[in-house]
């Protein structure tokens, strides 16, 4: 399960409700109570009580099959959250895309996966990278993911990677824990991360985290033939300037 790592200050009932929502969101056909119990590790009576509350408030829908799915009230919340993120991030990402000539992205660690939350495509080139907003990817093989992991305490980063797994997306993907630890140390030392064809063959990505905004990063990505290793150094000051601008307007 894509379960976030808990902190002692969290409210347990809210944590559990959000876990159930994430489970329901992973299956468009809905999820039975028994499966919710299986995957969440919670007792059925507890799940039934939480789900009943979520159904009454419109955040969960009970289907004719007696399975449970995400409810209609979440649609409006999702749209408003998307508009808020877009109005905050887009101006900075557009400027970054114009200055770099490549597609600019923003992503955040959600649970143990990275989700893309905003994007501004390159307007300079006809061949450009496109990552769908809302797409979830592994942290260990993406620039934004490695930038965020390097920002976390080493033990927490290790827990995230262990929970998510380290599948090989290409023949360049780092799949060894010790090698990834060395890579994250390098990211911390240099202040930026590079995905060198690790998520998608032939694509290179450079990423930095946002100062003061935890578990969030921005990146530029493009074909490796155009975004060469020499060009990576030119992208870092542009990314840093954009990150500082975003951090100055937390929205």
Protein backbone atom coordinates (compact mmCIF):
# COMPACT_ATOMS: atom_id res chain seq x y z
CA UNK A 1 0.00 0.00 0.00
CA UNK A 2 1.20 3.53 -0.80
CA UNK A 3 1.01 4.55 2.85
CA UNK A 4 2.70 7.74 4.08
CA UNK A 5 5.15 7.52 6.93
CA UNK A 6 3.55 8.61 10.19
CA UNK A 7 4.66 11.32 12.56
CA UNK A 8 3.83 11.29 16.27
CA UNK A 9 1.82 14.52 15.98
CA UNK A 10 -0.75 13.12 13.54
CA UNK A 11 -4.38 12.33 14.43
CA UNK A 12 -4.83 8.57 14.16
CA UNK A 13 -8.45 8.56 12.95
CA UNK A 14 -7.63 11.03 10.17
CA UNK A 15 -4.59 9.00 9.15
CA UNK A 16 -6.75 5.89 8.94
CA UNK A 17 -9.50 7.63 6.94
CA UNK A 18 -6.99 8.97 4.42
CA UNK A 19 -5.42 5.51 4.12
CA UNK A 20 -8.84 4.11 3.22
CA UNK A 21 -9.42 6.87 0.65
CA UNK A 22 -6.07 6.08 -0.97
CA UNK A 23 -6.98 2.40 -1.18
CA UNK A 24 -10.33 3.21 -2.78
CA UNK A 25 -8.67 5.57 -5.22
CA UNK A 26 -6.41 2.80 -6.49
CA UNK A 27 -9.34 0.73 -7.83
CA UNK A 28 -12.02 2.36 -10.06
CA UNK A 29 -14.31 -0.66 -9.47
CA UNK A 30 -14.44 0.00 -5.75
CA UNK A 31 -13.03 -1.95 -2.82
CA UNK A 32 -14.78 -4.40 -0.47
CA UNK A 33 -14.54 -4.05 3.31
CA UNK A 34 -12.59 -7.29 3.54
CA UNK A 35 -9.96 -5.99 1.14
CA UNK A 36 -9.77 -2.68 2.99
CA UNK A 37 -9.12 -4.64 6.18
CA UNK A 38 -6.54 -6.83 4.46
CA UNK A 39 -4.53 -3.97 2.97
CA UNK A 40 -4.87 -1.43 5.76
CA UNK A 41 -4.34 -3.84 8.65
CA UNK A 42 -7.31 -2.32 10.50
CA UNK A 43 -10.14 -4.31 12.13
CA UNK A 44 -13.35 -4.52 10.08
CA UNK A 45 -15.47 -2.73 12.78
CA UNK A 46 -13.06 0.23 12.72
CA UNK A 47 -13.15 0.37 8.92
CA UNK A 48 -16.92 0.12 8.89
CA UNK A 49 -17.22 3.04 11.31
CA UNK A 50 -14.80 5.22 9.32
CA UNK A 51 -16.36 4.35 5.96
CA UNK A 52 -19.87 5.02 7.27
CA UNK A 53 -18.74 8.52 8.30
CA UNK A 54 -17.11 9.14 4.90
CA UNK A 55 -20.24 7.95 3.07
CA UNK A 56 -22.46 10.25 5.16
CA UNK A 57 -20.27 13.24 4.27
CA UNK A 58 -20.13 12.40 0.55
CA UNK A 59 -16.42 11.57 0.37
CA UNK A 60 -17.12 7.87 -0.23
CA UNK A 61 -19.80 6.20 -2.33
CA UNK A 62 -21.26 2.74 -1.67
CA UNK A 63 -21.76 0.99 -5.00
CA UNK A 64 -24.60 -1.50 -5.79
CA UNK A 65 -21.94 -4.23 -5.50
CA UNK A 66 -21.54 -3.12 -1.83
CA UNK A 67 -17.99 -2.08 -2.62
CA UNK A 68 -16.78 1.39 -1.69
CA UNK A 69 -15.37 4.01 -4.05
CA UNK A 70 -14.34 7.66 -3.92
CA UNK A 71 -17.38 9.92 -3.62
CA UNK A 72 -18.49 12.94 -5.64
CA UNK A 73 -17.56 15.49 -2.99
CA UNK A 74 -13.88 14.81 -3.68
CA UNK A 75 -14.25 16.00 -7.29
CA UNK A 76 -14.78 19.60 -6.31
CA UNK A 77 -11.98 19.48 -3.75
CA UNK A 78 -9.59 18.04 -6.31
CA UNK A 79 -10.47 20.69 -8.88
CA UNK A 80 -10.02 23.50 -6.36
CA UNK A 81 -6.71 22.07 -5.17
CA UNK A 82 -5.52 21.82 -8.78
CA UNK A 83 -6.50 25.43 -9.49
CA UNK A 84 -4.76 26.63 -6.32
CA UNK A 85 -1.54 24.82 -7.19
CA UNK A 86 -1.70 26.00 -10.78
CA UNK A 87 -2.22 29.66 -9.89
CA UNK A 88 0.69 29.51 -7.44
CA UNK A 89 3.16 27.46 -9.44
CA UNK A 90 2.39 28.05 -13.11
CA UNK A 91 3.83 31.58 -13.53
CA UNK A 92 7.17 30.41 -12.14
CA UNK A 93 7.14 27.19 -14.18
CA UNK A 94 6.29 29.09 -17.37
CA UNK A 95 9.23 31.44 -16.78
CA UNK A 96 11.48 28.45 -16.07
CA UNK A 97 10.33 26.71 -19.26
CA UNK A 98 10.96 29.87 -21.31
CA UNK A 99 14.42 30.43 -19.87
CA UNK A 100 15.52 26.80 -20.04
CA UNK A 101 13.81 25.89 -23.30
CA UNK A 102 12.65 22.65 -21.70
CA UNK A 103 9.48 21.43 -19.97
CA UNK A 104 9.24 22.50 -16.31
CA UNK A 105 7.55 20.31 -13.68
CA UNK A 106 6.60 20.42 -10.03
CA UNK A 107 6.18 17.22 -8.02
CA UNK A 108 5.69 16.21 -4.40
CA UNK A 109 6.20 13.07 -2.34
CA UNK A 110 2.76 11.63 -1.58
CA UNK A 111 3.08 8.64 0.71
CA UNK A 112 5.93 6.66 -0.79
CA UNK A 113 5.40 7.75 -4.41
CA UNK A 114 6.04 11.02 -6.22
CA UNK A 115 3.08 12.75 -7.88
CA UNK A 116 3.38 15.49 -10.52
CA UNK A 117 1.22 18.45 -9.48
CA UNK A 118 1.96 21.15 -12.10
CA UNK A 119 3.72 21.54 -15.44
CA UNK A 120 4.63 24.13 -18.07
CA UNK A 121 5.62 22.63 -21.45
CA UNK A 122 8.49 23.97 -23.52
CA UNK A 123 7.39 26.45 -26.17
CA UNK A 124 10.76 26.56 -27.90
CA UNK A 125 10.95 23.04 -29.29
CA UNK A 126 8.51 20.83 -31.18
CA UNK A 127 10.05 17.74 -29.55
CA UNK A 128 9.36 18.12 -25.84
CA UNK A 129 8.67 16.05 -22.77
CA UNK A 130 5.18 15.70 -21.37
CA UNK A 131 4.28 14.20 -18.00
CA UNK A 132 0.60 14.12 -17.09
CA UNK A 133 -0.28 16.08 -13.97
CA UNK A 134 -1.41 13.54 -11.39
CA UNK A 135 0.96 10.85 -12.64
CA UNK A 136 2.59 8.86 -9.85
CA UNK A 137 6.17 7.62 -10.21
CA UNK A 138 8.83 5.96 -8.07
CA UNK A 139 11.18 8.30 -6.24
CA UNK A 140 14.39 6.33 -6.74
CA UNK A 141 14.49 6.77 -10.52
CA UNK A 142 13.33 10.37 -11.06
CA UNK A 143 15.10 13.68 -10.63
CA UNK A 144 12.34 15.15 -8.48
CA UNK A 145 12.18 11.95 -6.44
CA UNK A 146 15.90 11.80 -5.75
CA UNK A 147 15.97 15.51 -4.88
CA UNK A 148 13.22 14.96 -2.30
CA UNK A 149 14.75 11.75 -0.91
CA UNK A 150 18.09 13.53 -0.43
CA UNK A 151 16.30 16.20 1.62
CA UNK A 152 14.82 13.65 4.04
CA UNK A 153 16.68 12.13 7.00
CA UNK A 154 18.53 9.08 5.71
CA UNK A 155 16.46 6.66 7.79
CA UNK A 156 13.18 8.13 6.51
CA UNK A 157 14.39 8.06 2.89
CA UNK A 158 15.34 4.42 3.38
CA UNK A 159 11.86 3.62 4.70
CA UNK A 160 10.22 5.33 1.72
CA UNK A 161 12.31 3.38 -0.77
CA UNK A 162 11.85 0.09 1.10
CA UNK A 163 8.06 0.55 1.17
CA UNK A 164 7.81 1.53 -2.51
CA UNK A 165 10.37 -0.89 -3.93
CA UNK A 166 13.05 -0.17 -6.50
CA UNK A 167 11.89 -1.60 -9.84
CA UNK A 168 14.09 -1.09 -12.90
CA UNK A 169 12.37 1.29 -15.33
CA UNK A 170 15.30 1.28 -17.78
CA UNK A 171 18.76 -0.25 -17.89
CA UNK A 172 20.04 2.97 -16.22
CA UNK A 173 17.78 2.72 -13.16
CA UNK A 174 19.54 2.42 -9.81
CA UNK A 175 18.23 -0.76 -8.18
CA UNK A 176 20.86 -1.24 -5.46
CA UNK A 177 20.20 0.33 -2.04
CA UNK A 178 23.87 1.17 -1.39
CA UNK A 179 24.26 2.72 -4.83
CA UNK A 180 21.16 4.83 -4.25
CA UNK A 181 22.50 5.96 -0.86
CA UNK A 182 25.72 7.09 -2.56
CA UNK A 183 23.69 8.88 -5.23
CA UNK A 184 21.61 10.71 -2.60
CA UNK A 185 24.80 11.78 -0.79
CA UNK A 186 26.01 13.21 -4.10
CA UNK A 187 22.70 15.06 -4.56
CA UNK A 188 22.97 16.58 -1.08
CA UNK A 189 26.55 17.69 -1.75
CA UNK A 190 25.87 19.30 -5.15
CA UNK A 191 22.40 20.65 -4.38
CA UNK A 192 20.55 19.14 -7.34
CA UNK A 193 19.54 15.73 -8.71
CA UNK A 194 19.77 14.28 -12.22
CA UNK A 195 17.65 11.55 -13.77
CA UNK A 196 19.91 10.30 -16.54
CA UNK A 197 17.51 8.09 -18.49
CA UNK A 198 16.56 6.23 -15.31
CA UNK A 199 12.78 6.70 -15.56
CA UNK A 200 12.50 6.84 -19.35
CA UNK A 201 15.19 5.93 -21.86
CA UNK A 202 16.60 8.92 -23.74
CA UNK A 203 15.19 11.51 -21.32
CA UNK A 204 17.27 13.60 -18.94
CA UNK A 205 15.89 15.59 -16.00
CA UNK A 206 17.45 18.04 -13.53
CA UNK A 207 15.69 18.83 -10.25
CA UNK A 208 16.00 20.88 -7.06
CA UNK A 209 13.84 21.01 -3.93
CA UNK A 210 11.86 24.07 -2.82
CA UNK A 211 13.36 25.89 0.18
CA UNK A 212 11.07 25.72 3.19
CA UNK A 213 8.47 23.58 1.40
CA UNK A 214 8.98 19.95 2.48
CA UNK A 215 8.98 17.02 0.07
CA UNK A 216 8.44 19.16 -3.02
CA UNK A 217 10.73 19.69 -6.01
CA UNK A 218 10.79 21.27 -9.46
CA UNK A 219 12.60 20.05 -12.53
CA UNK A 220 13.31 20.61 -16.20
CA UNK A 221 13.26 17.64 -18.54
CA UNK A 222 14.07 17.07 -22.17
CA UNK A 223 15.62 14.66 -24.67
CA UNK A 224 19.10 13.62 -23.56
CA UNK A 225 20.39 14.54 -27.02
CA UNK A 226 19.45 18.17 -26.36
CA UNK A 227 19.70 18.39 -22.55
CA UNK A 228 23.30 17.21 -22.46
CA UNK A 229 25.34 16.64 -19.32
CA UNK A 230 27.18 19.88 -20.13
CA UNK A 231 23.83 21.71 -20.25
CA UNK A 232 22.85 20.40 -16.80
CA UNK A 233 25.10 22.95 -15.09
CA UNK A 234 23.37 25.77 -16.99
CA UNK A 235 19.96 24.59 -15.78
CA UNK A 236 20.79 24.58 -12.06
CA UNK A 237 20.86 28.40 -11.57
CA UNK A 238 17.55 28.68 -13.48
CA UNK A 239 15.99 26.00 -11.29
CA UNK A 240 17.33 27.60 -8.11
CA UNK A 241 15.91 31.00 -9.09
CA UNK A 242 12.51 29.45 -9.83
CA UNK A 243 12.57 27.49 -6.55
CA UNK A 244 13.38 30.64 -4.58
CA UNK A 245 10.50 32.46 -6.31
CA UNK A 246 8.09 29.67 -5.49
CA UNK A 247 9.25 29.48 -1.89
CA UNK A 248 8.70 33.24 -1.52
CA UNK A 249 5.02 32.75 -2.49
CA UNK A 250 3.82 29.61 -0.64
CA UNK A 251 0.22 30.35 -1.59
